[in-house]
All heavy atoms as atom14 arrays in JSON, in Angstrom:
{
  "sequence": "QVQLVESGGGLVQPGGSLRLSCAASRSIFGIYTITWYRQ",
  "atom14_mask": [
    [1, 1, 1, 1, 1, 1, 1, 1, 1, 0, 0, 0, 0, 0],
    [1, 1, 1, 1, 1, 1, 1, 0, 0, 0, 0, 0, 0, 0],
    [1, 1, 1, 1, 1, 1, 1, 1, 1, 0, 0, 0, 0, 0],
    [1, 1, 1, 1, 1, 1, 1, 1, 0, 0, 0, 0, 0, 0],
    [1, 1, 1, 1, 1, 1, 1, 0, 0, 0, 0, 0, 0, 0],
    [1, 1, 1, 1, 1, 1, 1, 1, 1, 0, 0, 0, 0, 0],
    [1, 1, 1, 1, 1, 1, 0, 0, 0, 0, 0, 0, 0, 0],
    [1, 1, 1, 1, 0, 0, 0, 0, 0, 0, 0, 0, 0, 0],
    [1, 1, 1, 1, 0, 0, 0, 0, 0, 0, 0, 0, 0, 0],
    [1, 1, 1, 1, 0, 0, 0, 0, 0, 0, 0, 0, 0, 0],
    [1, 1, 1, 1, 1, 1, 1, 1, 0, 0, 0, 0, 0, 0],
    [1, 1, 1, 1, 1, 1, 1, 0, 0, 0, 0, 0, 0, 0],
    [1, 1, 1, 1, 1, 1, 1, 1, 1, 0, 0, 0, 0, 0],
    [1, 1, 1, 1, 1, 1, 1, 0, 0, 0, 0, 0, 0, 0],
    [1, 1, 1, 1, 0, 0, 0, 0, 0, 0, 0, 0, 0, 0],
    [1, 1, 1, 1, 0, 0, 0, 0, 0, 0, 0, 0, 0, 0],
    [1, 1, 1, 1, 1, 1, 0, 0, 0, 0, 0, 0, 0, 0],
    [1, 1, 1, 1, 1, 1, 1, 1, 0, 0, 0, 0, 0, 0],
    [1, 1, 1, 1, 1, 1, 1, 1, 1, 1, 1, 0, 0, 0],
    [1, 1, 1, 1, 1, 1, 1, 1, 0, 0, 0, 0, 0, 0],
    [1, 1, 1, 1, 1, 1, 0, 0, 0, 0, 0, 0, 0, 0],
    [1, 1, 1, 1, 1, 1, 0, 0, 0, 0, 0, 0, 0, 0],
    [1, 1, 1, 1, 1, 0, 0, 0, 0, 0, 0, 0, 0, 0],
    [1, 1, 1, 1, 1, 0, 0, 0, 0, 0, 0, 0, 0, 0],
    [1, 1, 1, 1, 1, 1, 0, 0, 0, 0, 0, 0, 0, 0],
    [1, 1, 1, 1, 1, 1, 1, 1, 1, 1, 1, 0, 0, 0],
    [1, 1, 1, 1, 1, 1, 0, 0, 0, 0, 0, 0, 0, 0],
    [1, 1, 1, 1, 1, 1, 1, 1, 0, 0, 0, 0, 0, 0],
    [1, 1, 1, 1, 1, 1, 1, 1, 1, 1, 1, 0, 0, 0],
    [1, 1, 1, 1, 0, 0, 0, 0, 0, 0, 0, 0, 0, 0],
    [1, 1, 1, 1, 1, 1, 1, 1, 0, 0, 0, 0, 0, 0],
    [1, 1, 1, 1, 1, 1, 1, 1, 1, 1, 1, 1, 0, 0],
    [1, 1, 1, 1, 1, 1, 1, 0, 0, 0, 0, 0, 0, 0],
    [1, 1, 1, 1, 1, 1, 1, 1, 0, 0, 0, 0, 0, 0],
    [1, 1, 1, 1, 1, 1, 1, 0, 0, 0, 0, 0, 0, 0],
    [1, 1, 1, 1, 1, 1, 1, 1, 1, 1, 1, 1, 1, 1],
    [1, 1, 1, 1, 1, 1, 1, 1, 1, 1, 1, 1, 0, 0],
    [1, 1, 1, 1, 1, 1, 1, 1, 1, 1, 1, 0, 0, 0],
    [1, 1, 1, 1, 1, 1, 1, 1, 1, 0, 0, 0, 0, 0]
  ],
  "atom14_positions": [
    [[4.9, 29.64, 16.34], [3.66, 30.25, 16.75], [2.83, 30.62, 15.53], [3.37, 31.06, 14.52], [3.91, 31.5, 17.59], [4.55, 31.22, 18.92], [3.59, 30.5, 19.85], [2.42, 30.87, 19.96], [4.08, 29.44, 20.49], [0.0, 0.0, 0.0], [0.0, 0.0, 0.0], [0.0, 0.0, 0.0], [0.0, 0.0, 0.0], [0.0, 0.0, 0.0]],
    [[1.52, 30.43, 15.65], [0.57, 30.77, 14.61], [-0.53, 31.6, 15.23], [-1.1, 31.23, 16.26], [-0.03, 29.51, 13.95], [-1.07, 29.91, 12.91], [1.07, 28.67, 13.31], [0.0, 0.0, 0.0], [0.0, 0.0, 0.0], [0.0, 0.0, 0.0], [0.0, 0.0, 0.0], [0.0, 0.0, 0.0], [0.0, 0.0, 0.0], [0.0, 0.0, 0.0]],
    [[-0.83, 32.72, 14.61], [-1.94, 33.56, 15.03], [-3.11, 33.35, 14.07], [-2.92, 33.38, 12.86], [-1.54, 35.03, 15.05], [-0.3, 35.34, 15.87], [-0.49, 35.06, 17.33], [-1.55, 35.34, 17.89], [0.53, 34.5, 17.96], [0.0, 0.0, 0.0], [0.0, 0.0, 0.0], [0.0, 0.0, 0.0], [0.0, 0.0, 0.0], [0.0, 0.0, 0.0]],
    [[-4.3, 33.15, 14.62], [-5.5, 32.94, 13.84], [-6.53, 33.99, 14.2], [-6.73, 34.29, 15.38], [-6.1, 31.55, 14.11], [-5.2, 30.34, 13.83], [-5.9, 29.07, 14.29], [-4.86, 30.26, 12.35], [0.0, 0.0, 0.0], [0.0, 0.0, 0.0], [0.0, 0.0, 0.0], [0.0, 0.0, 0.0], [0.0, 0.0, 0.0], [0.0, 0.0, 0.0]],
    [[-7.2, 34.53, 13.19], [-8.22, 35.54, 13.4], [-9.46, 35.14, 12.62], [-9.41, 35.02, 11.39], [-7.75, 36.94, 12.96], [-8.87, 37.95, 13.16], [-6.52, 37.36, 13.74], [0.0, 0.0, 0.0], [0.0, 0.0, 0.0], [0.0, 0.0, 0.0], [0.0, 0.0, 0.0], [0.0, 0.0, 0.0], [0.0, 0.0, 0.0], [0.0, 0.0, 0.0]],
    [[-10.57, 34.96, 13.33], [-11.85, 34.66, 12.7], [-12.59, 35.95, 12.39], [-12.49, 36.93, 13.13], [-12.73, 33.78, 13.6], [-12.11, 32.44, 13.97], [-11.43, 32.46, 15.32], [-10.97, 33.55, 15.75], [-11.36, 31.4, 15.96], [0.0, 0.0, 0.0], [0.0, 0.0, 0.0], [0.0, 0.0, 0.0], [0.0, 0.0, 0.0], [0.0, 0.0, 0.0]],
    [[-13.38, 35.91, 11.33], [-14.24, 37.03, 10.98], [-15.43, 36.51, 10.21], [-15.47, 35.35, 9.81], [-13.48, 38.08, 10.17], [-13.02, 37.54, 8.94], [0.0, 0.0, 0.0], [0.0, 0.0, 0.0], [0.0, 0.0, 0.0], [0.0, 0.0, 0.0], [0.0, 0.0, 0.0], [0.0, 0.0, 0.0], [0.0, 0.0, 0.0], [0.0, 0.0, 0.0]],
    [[-16.4, 37.37, 9.98], [-17.54, 37.03, 9.16], [-18.81, 36.72, 9.92], [-19.86, 36.51, 9.31], [0.0, 0.0, 0.0], [0.0, 0.0, 0.0], [0.0, 0.0, 0.0], [0.0, 0.0, 0.0], [0.0, 0.0, 0.0], [0.0, 0.0, 0.0], [0.0, 0.0, 0.0], [0.0, 0.0, 0.0], [0.0, 0.0, 0.0], [0.0, 0.0, 0.0]],
    [[-18.73, 36.68, 11.23], [-19.92, 36.43, 12.02], [-20.87, 37.61, 12.0], [-20.55, 38.7, 11.53], [0.0, 0.0, 0.0], [0.0, 0.0, 0.0], [0.0, 0.0, 0.0], [0.0, 0.0, 0.0], [0.0, 0.0, 0.0], [0.0, 0.0, 0.0], [0.0, 0.0, 0.0], [0.0, 0.0, 0.0], [0.0, 0.0, 0.0], [0.0, 0.0, 0.0]],
    [[-22.06, 37.37, 12.51], [-23.06, 38.41, 12.56], [-24.43, 37.85, 12.83], [-24.58, 36.7, 13.22], [0.0, 0.0, 0.0], [0.0, 0.0, 0.0], [0.0, 0.0, 0.0], [0.0, 0.0, 0.0], [0.0, 0.0, 0.0], [0.0, 0.0, 0.0], [0.0, 0.0, 0.0], [0.0, 0.0, 0.0], [0.0, 0.0, 0.0], [0.0, 0.0, 0.0]],
    [[-25.43, 38.68, 12.61], [-26.82, 38.32, 12.82], [-27.45, 37.96, 11.49], [-27.34, 38.72, 10.51], [-27.57, 39.49, 13.46], [-29.08, 39.33, 13.64], [-29.38, 38.19, 14.61], [-29.68, 40.63, 14.12], [0.0, 0.0, 0.0], [0.0, 0.0, 0.0], [0.0, 0.0, 0.0], [0.0, 0.0, 0.0], [0.0, 0.0, 0.0], [0.0, 0.0, 0.0]],
    [[-28.12, 36.82, 11.45], [-28.77, 36.37, 10.23], [-30.09, 35.71, 10.6], [-30.24, 35.14, 11.68], [-27.85, 35.4, 9.45], [-27.63, 34.11, 10.23], [-28.4, 35.11, 8.07], [0.0, 0.0, 0.0], [0.0, 0.0, 0.0], [0.0, 0.0, 0.0], [0.0, 0.0, 0.0], [0.0, 0.0, 0.0], [0.0, 0.0, 0.0], [0.0, 0.0, 0.0]],
    [[-31.05, 35.79, 9.68], [-32.34, 35.16, 9.91], [-32.27, 33.66, 9.65], [-31.42, 33.19, 8.89], [-33.41, 35.78, 9.01], [-33.75, 37.21, 9.36], [-34.89, 37.74, 8.53], [-34.97, 37.48, 7.33], [-35.79, 38.47, 9.17], [0.0, 0.0, 0.0], [0.0, 0.0, 0.0], [0.0, 0.0, 0.0], [0.0, 0.0, 0.0], [0.0, 0.0, 0.0]],
    [[-33.14, 32.89, 10.29], [-33.2, 31.46, 9.97], [-33.36, 31.24, 8.47], [-34.13, 31.94, 7.8], [-34.43, 30.97, 10.74], [-34.53, 31.92, 11.89], [-34.1, 33.26, 11.34], [0.0, 0.0, 0.0], [0.0, 0.0, 0.0], [0.0, 0.0, 0.0], [0.0, 0.0, 0.0], [0.0, 0.0, 0.0], [0.0, 0.0, 0.0], [0.0, 0.0, 0.0]],
    [[-32.62, 30.26, 7.96], [-32.61, 30.0, 6.54], [-31.57, 30.78, 5.77], [-31.34, 30.49, 4.59], [0.0, 0.0, 0.0], [0.0, 0.0, 0.0], [0.0, 0.0, 0.0], [0.0, 0.0, 0.0], [0.0, 0.0, 0.0], [0.0, 0.0, 0.0], [0.0, 0.0, 0.0], [0.0, 0.0, 0.0], [0.0, 0.0, 0.0], [0.0, 0.0, 0.0]],
    [[-30.94, 31.75, 6.41], [-29.95, 32.57, 5.77], [-28.58, 31.92, 5.75], [-28.4, 30.78, 6.17], [0.0, 0.0, 0.0], [0.0, 0.0, 0.0], [0.0, 0.0, 0.0], [0.0, 0.0, 0.0], [0.0, 0.0, 0.0], [0.0, 0.0, 0.0], [0.0, 0.0, 0.0], [0.0, 0.0, 0.0], [0.0, 0.0, 0.0], [0.0, 0.0, 0.0]],
    [[-27.6, 32.68, 5.25], [-26.24, 32.18, 5.07], [-25.22, 33.17, 5.6], [-25.45, 34.39, 5.6], [-25.95, 31.93, 3.59], [-26.8, 30.93, 3.06], [0.0, 0.0, 0.0], [0.0, 0.0, 0.0], [0.0, 0.0, 0.0], [0.0, 0.0, 0.0], [0.0, 0.0, 0.0], [0.0, 0.0, 0.0], [0.0, 0.0, 0.0], [0.0, 0.0, 0.0]],
    [[-24.09, 32.64, 6.02], [-22.92, 33.42, 6.38], [-21.69, 32.65, 5.94], [-21.71, 31.42, 5.87], [-22.83, 33.65, 7.89], [-23.76, 34.65, 8.55], [-23.61, 34.57, 10.07], [-23.47, 36.06, 8.07], [0.0, 0.0, 0.0], [0.0, 0.0, 0.0], [0.0, 0.0, 0.0], [0.0, 0.0, 0.0], [0.0, 0.0, 0.0], [0.0, 0.0, 0.0]],
    [[-20.61, 33.38, 5.67], [-19.33, 32.76, 5.42], [-18.32, 33.28, 6.43], [-18.05, 34.48, 6.48], [-18.81, 33.03, 4.01], [-17.55, 32.2, 3.69], [-17.03, 32.42, 2.29], [-16.36, 33.7, 2.15], [-15.55, 34.01, 1.15], [-15.31, 33.11, 0.19], [-15.0, 35.2, 1.08], [0.0, 0.0, 0.0], [0.0, 0.0, 0.0], [0.0, 0.0, 0.0]],
    [[-17.79, 32.38, 7.23], [-16.78, 32.71, 8.2], [-15.39, 32.53, 7.59], [-15.18, 31.64, 6.76], [-16.9, 31.83, 9.45], [-18.26, 31.8, 10.13], [-18.17, 30.95, 11.4], [-18.76, 33.2, 10.44], [0.0, 0.0, 0.0], [0.0, 0.0, 0.0], [0.0, 0.0, 0.0], [0.0, 0.0, 0.0], [0.0, 0.0, 0.0], [0.0, 0.0, 0.0]],
    [[-14.46, 33.35, 8.03], [-13.08, 33.26, 7.58], [-12.16, 33.06, 8.78], [-12.41, 33.58, 9.86], [-12.65, 34.53, 6.84], [-13.43, 34.74, 5.69], [0.0, 0.0, 0.0], [0.0, 0.0, 0.0], [0.0, 0.0, 0.0], [0.0, 0.0, 0.0], [0.0, 0.0, 0.0], [0.0, 0.0, 0.0], [0.0, 0.0, 0.0], [0.0, 0.0, 0.0]],
    [[-11.11, 32.3, 8.57], [-10.06, 32.09, 9.56], [-8.74, 32.38, 8.87], [-8.29, 31.6, 8.03], [-10.11, 30.67, 10.1], [-8.77, 30.24, 11.22], [0.0, 0.0, 0.0], [0.0, 0.0, 0.0], [0.0, 0.0, 0.0], [0.0, 0.0, 0.0], [0.0, 0.0, 0.0], [0.0, 0.0, 0.0], [0.0, 0.0, 0.0], [0.0, 0.0, 0.0]],
    [[-8.15, 33.51, 9.2], [-6.91, 33.95, 8.57], [-5.73, 33.66, 9.48], [-5.76, 33.97, 10.67], [-6.98, 35.44, 8.25], [0.0, 0.0, 0.0], [0.0, 0.0, 0.0], [0.0, 0.0, 0.0], [0.0, 0.0, 0.0], [0.0, 0.0, 0.0], [0.0, 0.0, 0.0], [0.0, 0.0, 0.0], [0.0, 0.0, 0.0], [0.0, 0.0, 0.0]],
    [[-4.68, 33.1, 8.91], [-3.48, 32.74, 9.66], [-2.36, 33.73, 9.39], [-2.29, 34.35, 8.33], [-3.02, 31.33, 9.3], [0.0, 0.0, 0.0], [0.0, 0.0, 0.0], [0.0, 0.0, 0.0], [0.0, 0.0, 0.0], [0.0, 0.0, 0.0], [0.0, 0.0, 0.0], [0.0, 0.0, 0.0], [0.0, 0.0, 0.0], [0.0, 0.0, 0.0]],
    [[-1.48, 33.85, 10.37], [-0.37, 34.79, 10.27], [0.73, 34.32, 9.34], [1.58, 35.12, 8.95], [0.21, 35.07, 11.66], [0.66, 33.87, 12.27], [0.0, 0.0, 0.0], [0.0, 0.0, 0.0], [0.0, 0.0, 0.0], [0.0, 0.0, 0.0], [0.0, 0.0, 0.0], [0.0, 0.0, 0.0], [0.0, 0.0, 0.0], [0.0, 0.0, 0.0]],
    [[0.74, 33.04, 9.01], [1.69, 32.52, 8.06], [1.09, 31.32, 7.35], [0.01, 30.85, 7.72], [3.01, 32.16, 8.73], [2.9, 31.15, 9.86], [4.27, 30.95, 10.51], [4.21, 30.08, 11.67], [4.34, 28.75, 11.62], [4.52, 28.15, 10.45], [4.29, 28.04, 12.73], [0.0, 0.0, 0.0], [0.0, 0.0, 0.0], [0.0, 0.0, 0.0]],
    [[1.78, 30.82, 6.35], [1.26, 29.74, 5.53], [1.3, 28.43, 6.29], [2.38, 27.89, 6.56], [2.06, 29.63, 4.23], [1.55, 28.6, 3.41], [0.0, 0.0, 0.0], [0.0, 0.0, 0.0], [0.0, 0.0, 0.0], [0.0, 0.0, 0.0], [0.0, 0.0, 0.0], [0.0, 0.0, 0.0], [0.0, 0.0, 0.0], [0.0, 0.0, 0.0]],
    [[0.12, 27.91, 6.62], [0.02, 26.67, 7.4], [-1.01, 25.7, 6.86], [-0.97, 24.52, 7.19], [-0.32, 26.95, 8.87], [-1.7, 27.59, 9.0], [0.76, 27.82, 9.52], [-2.23, 27.61, 10.41], [0.0, 0.0, 0.0], [0.0, 0.0, 0.0], [0.0, 0.0, 0.0], [0.0, 0.0, 0.0], [0.0, 0.0, 0.0], [0.0, 0.0, 0.0]],
    [[-1.94, 26.16, 6.06], [-3.14, 25.37, 5.79], [-2.93, 24.2, 4.87], [-3.79, 23.32, 4.79], [-4.27, 26.28, 5.29], [-4.71, 27.29, 6.3], [-4.68, 28.64, 6.01], [-5.14, 26.89, 7.55], [-5.08, 29.58, 6.94], [-5.54, 27.81, 8.5], [-5.51, 29.16, 8.2], [0.0, 0.0, 0.0], [0.0, 0.0, 0.0], [0.0, 0.0, 0.0]],
    [[-1.82, 24.13, 4.19], [-1.51, 22.94, 3.41], [-0.91, 21.83, 4.24], [-0.74, 20.71, 3.74], [0.0, 0.0, 0.0], [0.0, 0.0, 0.0], [0.0, 0.0, 0.0], [0.0, 0.0, 0.0], [0.0, 0.0, 0.0], [0.0, 0.0, 0.0], [0.0, 0.0, 0.0], [0.0, 0.0, 0.0], [0.0, 0.0, 0.0], [0.0, 0.0, 0.0]],
    [[-0.6, 22.11, 5.5], [0.06, 21.16, 6.38], [-0.78, 20.85, 7.61], [-0.97, 19.7, 7.97], [1.44, 21.68, 6.82], [2.32, 21.94, 5.59], [2.11, 20.69, 7.77], [2.63, 20.71, 4.78], [0.0, 0.0, 0.0], [0.0, 0.0, 0.0], [0.0, 0.0, 0.0], [0.0, 0.0, 0.0], [0.0, 0.0, 0.0], [0.0, 0.0, 0.0]],
    [[-1.27, 21.87, 8.26], [-2.03, 21.72, 9.49], [-3.44, 21.22, 9.22], [-4.02, 21.48, 8.15], [-2.13, 23.04, 10.24], [-0.89, 23.46, 10.98], [0.29, 23.76, 10.32], [-0.91, 23.58, 12.37], [1.43, 24.15, 11.0], [0.22, 23.98, 13.07], [1.38, 24.27, 12.37], [2.49, 24.68, 13.07], [0.0, 0.0, 0.0], [0.0, 0.0, 0.0]],
    [[-3.99, 20.53, 10.2], [-5.41, 20.22, 10.2], [-6.15, 21.39, 10.84], [-5.8, 21.84, 11.93], [-5.69, 18.94, 10.99], [-5.1, 17.83, 10.29], [-7.18, 18.69, 11.13], [0.0, 0.0, 0.0], [0.0, 0.0, 0.0], [0.0, 0.0, 0.0], [0.0, 0.0, 0.0], [0.0, 0.0, 0.0], [0.0, 0.0, 0.0], [0.0, 0.0, 0.0]],
    [[-7.17, 21.87, 10.15], [-7.95, 23.01, 10.62], [-9.33, 22.51, 11.03], [-9.99, 21.82, 10.26], [-8.09, 24.09, 9.54], [-6.72, 24.46, 8.96], [-8.79, 25.32, 10.13], [-5.73, 24.98, 9.97], [0.0, 0.0, 0.0], [0.0, 0.0, 0.0], [0.0, 0.0, 0.0], [0.0, 0.0, 0.0], [0.0, 0.0, 0.0], [0.0, 0.0, 0.0]],
    [[-9.75, 22.89, 12.22], [-11.05, 22.5, 12.73], [-11.83, 23.75, 13.11], [-11.31, 24.63, 13.79], [-10.92, 21.6, 13.96], [-10.12, 20.46, 13.63], [-12.29, 21.12, 14.42], [0.0, 0.0, 0.0], [0.0, 0.0, 0.0], [0.0, 0.0, 0.0], [0.0, 0.0, 0.0], [0.0, 0.0, 0.0], [0.0, 0.0, 0.0], [0.0, 0.0, 0.0]],
    [[-13.07, 23.81, 12.66], [-14.02, 24.81, 13.15], [-14.79, 24.19, 14.31], [-15.32, 23.08, 14.2], [-15.0, 25.25, 12.07], [-14.44, 26.23, 11.09], [-13.96, 25.98, 9.85], [-14.34, 27.66, 11.28], [-13.56, 27.14, 9.25], [-13.78, 28.18, 10.1], [-14.67, 28.52, 12.32], [-13.53, 29.55, 9.93], [-14.42, 29.88, 12.16], [-13.86, 30.37, 10.98]],
    [[-14.85, 24.93, 15.4], [-15.64, 24.57, 16.56], [-16.68, 25.66, 16.8], [-16.56, 26.78, 16.3], [-14.78, 24.46, 17.82], [-13.82, 23.3, 17.85], [-12.58, 23.36, 17.24], [-14.15, 22.13, 18.54], [-11.69, 22.3, 17.3], [-13.27, 21.07, 18.61], [-12.05, 21.16, 17.98], [-11.17, 20.1, 18.05], [0.0, 0.0, 0.0], [0.0, 0.0, 0.0]],
    [[-17.67, 25.31, 17.61], [-18.61, 26.32, 18.06], [-19.0, 26.04, 19.5], [-19.0, 24.9, 19.95], [-19.85, 26.4, 17.17], [-20.75, 25.18, 17.21], [-21.86, 25.32, 16.18], [-22.78, 24.19, 16.21], [-23.75, 24.0, 15.32], [-23.93, 24.87, 14.33], [-24.55, 22.95, 15.43], [0.0, 0.0, 0.0], [0.0, 0.0, 0.0], [0.0, 0.0, 0.0]],
    [[-19.34, 27.11, 20.2], [-19.74, 27.0, 21.59], [-20.85, 28.0, 21.87], [-20.66, 29.21, 21.74], [-18.56, 27.25, 22.53], [-18.88, 26.99, 23.98], [-17.64, 26.94, 24.85], [-16.62, 27.55, 24.52], [-17.72, 26.22, 25.95], [0.0, 0.0, 0.0], [0.0, 0.0, 0.0], [0.0, 0.0, 0.0], [0.0, 0.0, 0.0], [0.0, 0.0, 0.0]]
  ]
}
C-alpha cells in the first residue's frame, strides 16, 4: 500500500505560477510511474 498526499494548490491569477507536491508514504518514485491528472 502507498499513501499519496497532494498539496500546493490555491488561487492564482492568470499568468501566475504554482508548484504542486505529491508526497508518498514510502520510497516509490524511483520505481513507480507517477502521473498528474486534473479534473
